[in-house]
Amino acid sequence: MVDFEIFLFSHDTAYASAAMEAGVSGVVVDWECVGKDGRQKGYDTEVNHGQAADLQAMRSAATGPLFCRINNHPELREVEIRRAISAGADEIWLPMVRDIGEVEACLNVIDGRVGLGVLVETQEALGLGRALSALPISHLYIGLNDLHIDQGRAQPFEALVDGTVDAFRDTYDGALAFGGVTLPKLGDPLPQTLLLGAMARLGCRFGVARRSFRRDVPIIQLAESIDAIRRRFAVLSRRSALEVAADHDALRRMVQAMRPVAAV
């Protein structure tokens, strides 16, 4: 089976611990909140307000890899990196990157003690693919919601069908992801199988499980659901060139038919 990691965003220690036992590759505790409420105001997004106590509790409950998304703020980056490492994080995730210097500064603070993941969610970050490829980045996630807000796009999935994500992939050869994962038979506003197909087409190596996954997958169905996602991704990774093109065309037509998403 194709190796496809799944990282769960959760502060629920019981659910996350069960998910780790069921096969997720890691759990993300989310501290990013500074400026996020204003940036995403009116949009249907998820804003968490995690604290060091959430990370410490998760470290006690979960036995596998633990990630922490920090605030990308000049007065907070170094403090939160050190705090997260002390609380047991195995990898730091840096959101809303606009300059390669922000990433280099984090790597200097980390000094090889844990991994560093980067979130590409701004117009500026789209131009950093080659520079990021030259750095020891563990994971890179393209945040379609924040990217569409930053660029003033009609809706988040437009970047998947107009060449934006493809162009970035051409410059970045590391572990990449975008969008979220849930049961292959579900997905809203896009069918999950089409989104997984786009991930497979662009050589994604991991996916994130967020509120849709937590809503769709009860704790007793975690193992079978995680297995179903990985199996579907493996099947989609074996498609012929014609099948890939047909699925991409179906995705394009569906995205183009979507109503624009705007703050209310």
C-alpha atoms as a PDB file:
ATOM      1  CA  MET A   1       0.000   0.000   0.000  1.00  0.00           C
ATOM      2  CA  VAL A   2       1.166   3.548  -0.736  1.00  0.00           C
ATOM      3  CA  ASP A   3       2.576   5.206   2.381  1.00  0.00           C
ATOM      4  CA  PHE A   4       0.173   8.018   3.242  1.00  0.00           C
ATOM      5  CA  GLU A   5       0.434   9.623   6.664  1.00  0.00           C
ATOM      6  CA  ILE A   6      -2.600  11.097   8.407  1.00  0.00           C
ATOM      7  CA  PHE A   7      -2.182  13.805  11.045  1.00  0.00           C
ATOM      8  CA  LEU A   8      -5.109  14.544  13.342  1.00  0.00           C
ATOM      9  CA  PHE A   9      -5.851  18.049  14.647  1.00  0.00           C
ATOM     10  CA  SER A  10      -7.371  17.553  18.089  1.00  0.00           C
ATOM     11  CA  HIS A  11      -7.240  18.699  21.695  1.00  0.00           C
ATOM     12  CA  ASP A  12      -9.474  15.815  22.802  1.00  0.00           C
ATOM     13  CA  THR A  13      -7.045  13.454  24.534  1.00  0.00           C
ATOM     14  CA  ALA A  14      -9.413  10.465  24.539  1.00  0.00           C
ATOM     15  CA  TYR A  15     -10.203  10.757  20.831  1.00  0.00           C
ATOM     16  CA  ALA A  16      -6.579  11.487  19.867  1.00  0.00           C
ATOM     17  CA  SER A  17      -5.201   8.627  21.931  1.00  0.00           C
ATOM     18  CA  ALA A  18      -7.661   6.226  20.314  1.00  0.00           C
ATOM     19  CA  ALA A  19      -6.762   7.619  16.890  1.00  0.00           C
ATOM     20  CA  MET A  20      -3.084   6.977  17.539  1.00  0.00           C
ATOM     21  CA  GLU A  21      -3.845   3.396  18.485  1.00  0.00           C
ATOM     22  CA  ALA A  22      -6.000   3.113  15.358  1.00  0.00           C
ATOM     23  CA  GLY A  23      -3.171   4.200  13.072  1.00  0.00           C
ATOM     24  CA  VAL A  24      -2.954   7.970  12.631  1.00  0.00           C
ATOM     25  CA  SER A  25       0.625   9.093  12.122  1.00  0.00           C
ATOM     26  CA  GLY A  26       0.560  11.972  14.589  1.00  0.00           C
ATOM     27  CA  VAL A  27      -1.553  14.498  16.472  1.00  0.00           C
ATOM     28  CA  VAL A  28      -1.435  18.281  16.041  1.00  0.00           C
ATOM     29  CA  VAL A  29      -2.134  20.587  18.978  1.00  0.00           C
ATOM     30  CA  ASP A  30      -3.033  24.020  17.634  1.00  0.00           C
ATOM     31  CA  TRP A  31      -1.835  27.208  19.332  1.00  0.00           C
ATOM     32  CA  GLU A  32      -2.332  29.517  16.336  1.00  0.00           C
ATOM     33  CA  CYS A  33      -4.834  32.224  17.227  1.00  0.00           C
ATOM     34  CA  VAL A  34      -3.048  35.597  17.210  1.00  0.00           C
ATOM     35  CA  GLY A  35      -4.692  37.678  14.484  1.00  0.00           C
ATOM     36  CA  LYS A  36      -6.566  34.660  13.153  1.00  0.00           C
ATOM     37  CA  ASP A  37     -10.008  35.643  14.400  1.00  0.00           C
ATOM     38  CA  GLY A  38      -9.751  38.929  12.509  1.00  0.00           C
ATOM     39  CA  ARG A  39      -8.177  37.403   9.401  1.00  0.00           C
ATOM     40  CA  GLN A  40     -10.851  34.723   9.084  1.00  0.00           C
ATOM     41  CA  LYS A  41     -13.780  36.707  10.504  1.00  0.00           C
ATOM     42  CA  GLY A  42     -17.013  35.739   8.809  1.00  0.00           C
ATOM     43  CA  TYR A  43     -15.507  32.689   7.064  1.00  0.00           C
ATOM     44  CA  ASP A  44     -16.486  29.120   7.943  1.00  0.00           C
ATOM     45  CA  THR A  45     -13.121  28.152   9.365  1.00  0.00           C
ATOM     46  CA  GLU A  46     -11.797  26.534  12.517  1.00  0.00           C
ATOM     47  CA  VAL A  47      -9.936  28.733  15.007  1.00  0.00           C
ATOM     48  CA  ASN A  48      -8.380  27.015  18.021  1.00  0.00           C
ATOM     49  CA  HIS A  49      -6.925  28.618  21.125  1.00  0.00           C
ATOM     50  CA  GLY A  50      -4.620  25.895  22.400  1.00  0.00           C
ATOM     51  CA  GLN A  51      -2.409  26.368  25.420  1.00  0.00           C
ATOM     52  CA  ALA A  52       0.697  24.683  26.811  1.00  0.00           C
ATOM     53  CA  ALA A  53      -1.604  22.654  29.060  1.00  0.00           C
ATOM     54  CA  ASP A  54      -3.294  21.120  25.981  1.00  0.00           C
ATOM     55  CA  LEU A  55       0.067  20.016  24.629  1.00  0.00           C
ATOM     56  CA  GLN A  56       1.180  18.624  27.976  1.00  0.00           C
ATOM     57  CA  ALA A  57      -2.074  16.714  28.385  1.00  0.00           C
ATOM     58  CA  MET A  58      -1.775  15.307  24.869  1.00  0.00           C
ATOM     59  CA  ARG A  59       1.820  14.272  25.502  1.00  0.00           C
ATOM     60  CA  SER A  60       0.679  12.314  28.532  1.00  0.00           C
ATOM     61  CA  ALA A  61      -2.176  10.662  26.634  1.00  0.00           C
ATOM     62  CA  ALA A  62      -0.696  10.006  23.183  1.00  0.00           C
ATOM     63  CA  THR A  63       2.283   7.754  22.629  1.00  0.00           C
ATOM     64  CA  GLY A  64       3.090   8.709  19.030  1.00  0.00           C
ATOM     65  CA  PRO A  65       4.446  11.799  17.229  1.00  0.00           C
ATOM     66  CA  LEU A  66       3.064  15.069  18.551  1.00  0.00           C
ATOM     67  CA  PHE A  67       3.072  18.336  16.588  1.00  0.00           C
ATOM     68  CA  CYS A  68       2.385  21.894  17.707  1.00  0.00           C
ATOM     69  CA  ARG A  69       1.261  24.709  15.411  1.00  0.00           C
ATOM     70  CA  ILE A  70       2.557  27.935  16.915  1.00  0.00           C
ATOM     71  CA  ASN A  71       1.815  31.608  16.242  1.00  0.00           C
ATOM     72  CA  ASN A  72       3.945  33.181  13.537  1.00  0.00           C
ATOM     73  CA  HIS A  73       4.521  36.451  15.356  1.00  0.00           C
ATOM     74  CA  PRO A  74       8.000  37.993  15.840  1.00  0.00           C
ATOM     75  CA  GLU A  75       7.485  38.337  19.587  1.00  0.00           C
ATOM     76  CA  LEU A  76       6.097  34.826  20.027  1.00  0.00           C
ATOM     77  CA  ARG A  77       7.897  32.470  17.628  1.00  0.00           C
ATOM     78  CA  GLU A  78      10.986  31.746  19.723  1.00  0.00           C
ATOM     79  CA  VAL A  79       9.089  31.675  23.022  1.00  0.00           C
ATOM     80  CA  GLU A  80       6.466  29.264  21.707  1.00  0.00           C
ATOM     81  CA  ILE A  81       9.019  26.995  20.043  1.00  0.00           C
ATOM     82  CA  ARG A  82      10.912  26.590  23.309  1.00  0.00           C
ATOM     83  CA  ARG A  83       7.676  26.137  25.248  1.00  0.00           C
ATOM     84  CA  ALA A  84       6.394  23.510  22.806  1.00  0.00           C
ATOM     85  CA  ILE A  85       9.621  21.548  22.892  1.00  0.00           C
ATOM     86  CA  SER A  86       9.602  21.607  26.691  1.00  0.00           C
ATOM     87  CA  ALA A  87       6.003  20.339  26.667  1.00  0.00           C
ATOM     88  CA  GLY A  88       6.918  17.354  24.496  1.00  0.00           C
ATOM     89  CA  ALA A  89       6.360  18.385  20.864  1.00  0.00           C
ATOM     90  CA  ASP A  90       8.215  16.328  18.266  1.00  0.00           C
ATOM     91  CA  GLU A  91       7.658  18.873  15.496  1.00  0.00           C
ATOM     92  CA  ILE A  92       6.775  22.565  15.247  1.00  0.00           C
ATOM     93  CA  TRP A  93       4.419  23.821  12.520  1.00  0.00           C
ATOM     94  CA  LEU A  94       4.888  27.425  11.398  1.00  0.00           C
ATOM     95  CA  PRO A  95       1.818  29.056   9.787  1.00  0.00           C
ATOM     96  CA  MET A  96       1.329  32.108   7.552  1.00  0.00           C
ATOM     97  CA  VAL A  97       4.925  32.235   6.288  1.00  0.00           C
ATOM     98  CA  ARG A  98       5.759  35.254   4.132  1.00  0.00           C
ATOM     99  CA  ASP A  99       9.550  35.301   4.194  1.00  0.00           C
ATOM    100  CA  ILE A 100      12.202  32.572   4.153  1.00  0.00           C
ATOM    101  CA  GLY A 101      13.894  34.349   7.048  1.00  0.00           C
ATOM    102  CA  GLU A 102      10.997  33.365   9.321  1.00  0.00           C
ATOM    103  CA  VAL A 103      11.661  29.702   8.573  1.00  0.00           C
ATOM    104  CA  GLU A 104      15.417  30.037   9.000  1.00  0.00           C
ATOM    105  CA  ALA A 105      14.930  31.783  12.344  1.00  0.00           C
ATOM    106  CA  CYS A 106      12.775  28.889  13.577  1.00  0.00           C
ATOM    107  CA  LEU A 107      15.325  26.336  12.432  1.00  0.00           C
ATOM    108  CA  ASN A 108      18.017  28.206  14.351  1.00  0.00           C
ATOM    109  CA  VAL A 109      15.953  28.121  17.536  1.00  0.00           C
ATOM    110  CA  ILE A 110      15.072  24.452  17.073  1.00  0.00           C
ATOM    111  CA  ASP A 111      18.733  23.595  16.424  1.00  0.00           C
ATOM    112  CA  GLY A 112      17.943  20.060  15.295  1.00  0.00           C
ATOM    113  CA  ARG A 113      16.069  19.075  18.462  1.00  0.00           C
ATOM    114  CA  VAL A 114      12.709  18.540  16.716  1.00  0.00           C
ATOM    115  CA  GLY A 115      11.316  18.784  13.200  1.00  0.00           C
ATOM    116  CA  LEU A 116       9.854  21.849  11.509  1.00  0.00           C
ATOM    117  CA  GLY A 117       6.771  21.929   9.297  1.00  0.00           C
ATOM    118  CA  VAL A 118       5.750  24.951   7.221  1.00  0.00           C
ATOM    119  CA  LEU A 119       2.292  26.131   6.172  1.00  0.00           C
ATOM    120  CA  VAL A 120       2.056  27.889   2.801  1.00  0.00           C
ATOM    121  CA  GLU A 121      -0.944  30.198   3.141  1.00  0.00           C
ATOM    122  CA  THR A 122       0.145  33.489   1.563  1.00  0.00           C
ATOM    123  CA  GLN A 123       0.960  34.820  -1.885  1.00  0.00           C
ATOM    124  CA  GLU A 124       4.548  35.440  -0.793  1.00  0.00           C
ATOM    125  CA  ALA A 125       5.015  31.848   0.378  1.00  0.00           C
ATOM    126  CA  LEU A 126       3.996  30.496  -3.033  1.00  0.00           C
ATOM    127  CA  GLY A 127       7.257  31.905  -4.368  1.00  0.00           C
ATOM    128  CA  LEU A 128       9.428  30.179  -1.755  1.00  0.00           C
ATOM    129  CA  GLY A 129       9.241  26.603  -3.042  1.00  0.00           C
ATOM    130  CA  ARG A 130      12.869  26.288  -4.145  1.00  0.00           C
ATOM    131  CA  ALA A 131      14.191  28.035  -1.047  1.00  0.00           C
ATOM    132  CA  LEU A 132      12.118  25.763   1.187  1.00  0.00           C
ATOM    133  CA  SER A 133      13.333  22.692  -0.709  1.00  0.00           C
ATOM    134  CA  ALA A 134      16.873  23.619   0.289  1.00  0.00           C
ATOM    135  CA  LEU A 135      15.997  23.645   4.010  1.00  0.00           C
ATOM    136  CA  PRO A 136      15.407  20.652   6.352  1.00  0.00           C
ATOM    137  CA  ILE A 137      11.614  20.938   6.336  1.00  0.00           C
ATOM    138  CA  SER A 138       9.779  17.838   7.580  1.00  0.00           C
ATOM    139  CA  HIS A 139       6.303  18.606   6.219  1.00  0.00           C
ATOM    140  CA  LEU A 140       4.723  21.362   4.133  1.00  0.00           C
ATOM    141  CA  TYR A 141       1.005  22.005   4.112  1.00  0.00           C
ATOM    142  CA  ILE A 142      -0.792  24.361   1.722  1.00  0.00           C
ATOM    143  CA  GLY A 143      -3.638  25.973   3.654  1.00  0.00           C
ATOM    144  CA  LEU A 144      -6.266  26.596   0.987  1.00  0.00           C
ATOM    145  CA  ASN A 145      -8.603  28.604   3.235  1.00  0.00           C
ATOM    146  CA  ASP A 146      -6.054  31.184   4.346  1.00  0.00           C
ATOM    147  CA  LEU A 147      -4.478  31.252   0.888  1.00  0.00           C
ATOM    148  CA  HIS A 148      -7.770  32.143  -0.783  1.00  0.00           C
ATOM    149  CA  ILE A 149      -8.374  34.904   1.784  1.00  0.00           C
ATOM    150  CA  ASP A 150      -4.850  36.273   1.345  1.00  0.00           C
ATOM    151  CA  GLN A 151      -5.138  36.258  -2.449  1.00  0.00           C
ATOM    152  CA  GLY A 152      -8.730  37.524  -2.562  1.00  0.00           C
ATOM    153  CA  ARG A 153      -9.848  34.487  -4.536  1.00  0.00           C
ATOM    154  CA  ALA A 154     -13.457  33.507  -5.162  1.00  0.00           C
ATOM    155  CA  GLN A 155     -13.139  30.287  -3.145  1.00  0.00           C
ATOM    156  CA  PRO A 156     -10.462  28.006  -1.625  1.00  0.00           C
ATOM    157  CA  PHE A 157     -10.376  25.176  -4.164  1.00  0.00           C
ATOM    158  CA  GLU A 158      -9.689  27.428  -7.147  1.00  0.00           C
ATOM    159  CA  ALA A 159      -5.953  27.061  -6.502  1.00  0.00           C
ATOM    160  CA  LEU A 160      -6.226  23.317  -7.186  1.00  0.00           C
ATOM    161  CA  VAL A 161      -7.516  23.728 -10.734  1.00  0.00           C
ATOM    162  CA  ASP A 162      -5.926  26.916 -12.076  1.00  0.00           C
ATOM    163  CA  GLY A 163      -2.310  25.739 -11.857  1.00  0.00           C
ATOM    164  CA  THR A 164      -1.398  27.499  -8.591  1.00  0.00           C
ATOM    165  CA  VAL A 165      -0.722  24.373  -6.533  1.00  0.00           C
ATOM    166  CA  ASP A 166       0.819  22.617  -9.551  1.00  0.00           C
ATOM    167  CA  ALA A 167       3.266  25.488 -10.048  1.00  0.00           C
ATOM    168  CA  PHE A 168       4.292  25.363  -6.405  1.00  0.00           C
ATOM    169  CA  ARG A 169       4.728  21.586  -6.567  1.00  0.00           C
ATOM    170  CA  ASP A 170       7.077  22.072  -9.516  1.00  0.00           C
ATOM    171  CA  THR A 171       9.380  24.039  -7.200  1.00  0.00           C
ATOM    172  CA  TYR A 172       9.013  21.993  -4.017  1.00  0.00           C
ATOM    173  CA  ASP A 173       9.868  18.294  -3.875  1.00  0.00           C
ATOM    174  CA  GLY A 174       9.373  17.541  -0.185  1.00  0.00           C
ATOM    175  CA  ALA A 175       6.480  16.021   1.772  1.00  0.00           C
ATOM    176  CA  LEU A 176       3.406  17.997   0.690  1.00  0.00           C
ATOM    177  CA  ALA A 177      -0.288  18.130   1.611  1.00  0.00           C
ATOM    178  CA  PHE A 178      -3.346  20.327   1.166  1.00  0.00           C
ATOM    179  CA  GLY A 179      -7.035  20.112   2.032  1.00  0.00           C
ATOM    180  CA  GLY A 180      -8.416  17.709   4.597  1.00  0.00           C
ATOM    181  CA  VAL A 181      -9.210  14.008   4.733  1.00  0.00           C
ATOM    182  CA  THR A 182     -12.343  12.198   5.802  1.00  0.00           C
ATOM    183  CA  LEU A 183     -14.239   9.077   4.745  1.00  0.00           C
ATOM    184  CA  PRO A 184     -13.821   8.490   0.974  1.00  0.00           C
ATOM    185  CA  LYS A 185     -17.590   8.229   0.474  1.00  0.00           C
ATOM    186  CA  LEU A 186     -18.181  11.656   2.042  1.00  0.00           C
ATOM    187  CA  GLY A 187     -16.731  15.155   1.617  1.00  0.00           C
ATOM    188  CA  ASP A 188     -18.217  18.640   1.539  1.00  0.00           C
ATOM    189  CA  PRO A 189     -18.220  20.821  -0.504  1.00  0.00           C
ATOM    190  CA  LEU A 190     -16.063  18.532  -2.662  1.00  0.00           C
ATOM    191  CA  PRO A 191     -16.363  14.741  -2.772  1.00  0.00           C
ATOM    192  CA  GLN A 192     -13.494  13.349  -0.757  1.00  0.00           C
ATOM    193  CA  THR A 193     -12.530  10.937  -3.521  1.00  0.00           C
ATOM    194  CA  LEU A 194     -11.904  13.850  -5.934  1.00  0.00           C
ATOM    195  CA  LEU A 195      -9.819  15.664  -3.327  1.00  0.00           C
ATOM    196  CA  LEU A 196      -7.830  12.510  -2.569  1.00  0.00           C
ATOM    197  CA  GLY A 197      -7.351  12.093  -6.314  1.00  0.00           C
ATOM    198  CA  ALA A 198      -5.860  15.593  -6.517  1.00  0.00           C
ATOM    199  CA  MET A 199      -3.538  14.735  -3.629  1.00  0.00           C
ATOM    200  CA  ALA A 200      -2.406  11.576  -5.371  1.00  0.00           C
ATOM    201  CA  ARG A 201      -1.899  13.404  -8.680  1.00  0.00           C
ATOM    202  CA  LEU A 202       0.433  15.906  -7.009  1.00  0.00           C
ATOM    203  CA  GLY A 203       2.368  13.310  -5.054  1.00  0.00           C
ATOM    204  CA  CYS A 204       1.139  14.222  -1.579  1.00  0.00           C
ATOM    205  CA  ARG A 205       2.631  12.145   1.222  1.00  0.00           C
ATOM    206  CA  PHE A 206       0.272  13.054   4.036  1.00  0.00           C
ATOM    207  CA  GLY A 207      -3.144  14.508   4.801  1.00  0.00           C
ATOM    208  CA  VAL A 208      -4.669  16.316   7.770  1.00  0.00           C
ATOM    209  CA  ALA A 209      -7.784  15.165   9.588  1.00  0.00           C
ATOM    210  CA  ARG A 210      -9.674  18.088  11.069  1.00  0.00           C
ATOM    211  CA  ARG A 211     -13.262  18.928  11.981  1.00  0.00           C
ATOM    212  CA  SER A 212     -14.866  17.032   9.057  1.00  0.00           C
ATOM    213  CA  PHE A 213     -12.992  13.883  10.041  1.00  0.00           C
ATOM    214  CA  ARG A 214     -13.838  14.294  13.731  1.00  0.00           C
ATOM    215  CA  ARG A 215     -17.494  14.874  12.819  1.00  0.00           C
ATOM    216  CA  ASP A 216     -17.701  11.963  10.382  1.00  0.00           C
ATOM    217  CA  VAL A 217     -15.687   9.362  12.299  1.00  0.00           C
ATOM    218  CA  PRO A 218     -16.843   8.208  15.754  1.00  0.00           C
ATOM    219  CA  ILE A 219     -14.197   6.812  18.034  1.00  0.00           C
ATOM    220  CA  ILE A 220     -15.319   3.207  17.527  1.00  0.00           C
ATOM    221  CA  GLN A 221     -14.840   3.515  13.749  1.00  0.00           C
ATOM    222  CA  LEU A 222     -11.385   5.104  13.774  1.00  0.00           C
ATOM    223  CA  ALA A 223      -9.361   2.080  12.666  1.00  0.00           C
ATOM    224  CA  GLU A 224     -11.602   1.100   9.757  1.00  0.00           C
ATOM    225  CA  SER A 225     -11.949   4.729   8.635  1.00  0.00           C
ATOM    226  CA  ILE A 226      -8.207   5.396   8.632  1.00  0.00           C
ATOM    227  CA  ASP A 227      -7.670   2.170   6.715  1.00  0.00           C
ATOM    228  CA  ALA A 228     -10.369   3.155   4.191  1.00  0.00           C
ATOM    229  CA  ILE A 229      -8.709   6.518   3.510  1.00  0.00           C
ATOM    230  CA  ARG A 230      -5.295   4.929   2.965  1.00  0.00           C
ATOM    231  CA  ARG A 231      -6.697   2.198   0.742  1.00  0.00           C
ATOM    232  CA  ARG A 232      -8.592   4.696  -1.395  1.00  0.00           C
ATOM    233  CA  PHE A 233      -5.487   6.866  -1.729  1.00  0.00           C
ATOM    234  CA  ALA A 234      -3.486   3.806  -2.806  1.00  0.00           C
ATOM    235  CA  VAL A 235      -6.067   2.963  -5.494  1.00  0.00           C
ATOM    236  CA  LEU A 236      -6.053   6.563  -6.759  1.00  0.00           C
ATOM    237  CA  SER A 237      -2.260   6.508  -6.896  1.00  0.00           C
ATOM    238  CA  ARG A 238      -2.437   3.650  -9.412  1.00  0.00           C
ATOM    239  CA  ARG A 239      -4.729   5.376 -11.918  1.00  0.00           C
ATOM    240  CA  SER A 240      -3.789   5.594 -15.567  1.00  0.00           C
ATOM    241  CA  ALA A 241      -2.901   8.958 -17.100  1.00  0.00           C
ATOM    242  CA  LEU A 242      -6.316   9.052 -18.758  1.00  0.00           C
ATOM    243  CA  GLU A 243      -8.087   8.384 -15.455  1.00  0.00           C
ATOM    244  CA  VAL A 244      -6.046  11.080 -13.710  1.00  0.00           C
ATOM    245  CA  ALA A 245      -6.933  13.588 -16.432  1.00  0.00           C
ATOM    246  CA  ALA A 246     -10.620  12.675 -16.294  1.00  0.00           C
ATOM    247  CA  ASP A 247     -10.750  13.060 -12.514  1.00  0.00           C
ATOM    248  CA  HIS A 248      -8.915  16.394 -12.691  1.00  0.00           C
ATOM    249  CA  ASP A 249     -11.382  17.615 -15.306  1.00  0.00           C
ATOM    250  CA  ALA A 250     -14.283  16.557 -13.071  1.00  0.00           C
ATOM    251  CA  LEU A 251     -12.702  18.441 -10.176  1.00  0.00           C
ATOM    252  CA  ARG A 252     -12.208  21.530 -12.336  1.00  0.00           C
ATOM    253  CA  ARG A 253     -15.827  21.541 -13.492  1.00  0.00           C
ATOM    254  CA  MET A 254     -17.105  21.111  -9.941  1.00  0.00           C
ATOM    255  CA  VAL A 255     -14.900  23.904  -8.584  1.00  0.00           C
ATOM    256  CA  GLN A 256     -15.873  26.263 -11.388  1.00  0.00           C
ATOM    257  CA  ALA A 257     -19.533  25.634 -10.609  1.00  0.00           C
ATOM    258  CA  MET A 258     -19.134  26.536  -6.940  1.00  0.00           C
ATOM    259  CA  ARG A 259     -20.451  29.780  -5.585  1.00  0.00           C
ATOM    260  CA  PRO A 260     -17.839  32.323  -4.468  1.00  0.00           C
ATOM    261  CA  VAL A 261     -16.974  32.164  -0.776  1.00  0.00           C
ATOM    262  CA  ALA A 262     -16.807  35.484   1.013  1.00  0.00           C
ATOM    263  CA  ALA A 263     -16.909  36.774   4.555  1.00  0.00           C
ATOM    264  CA  VAL A 264     -20.360  37.644   5.830  1.00  0.00           C
END
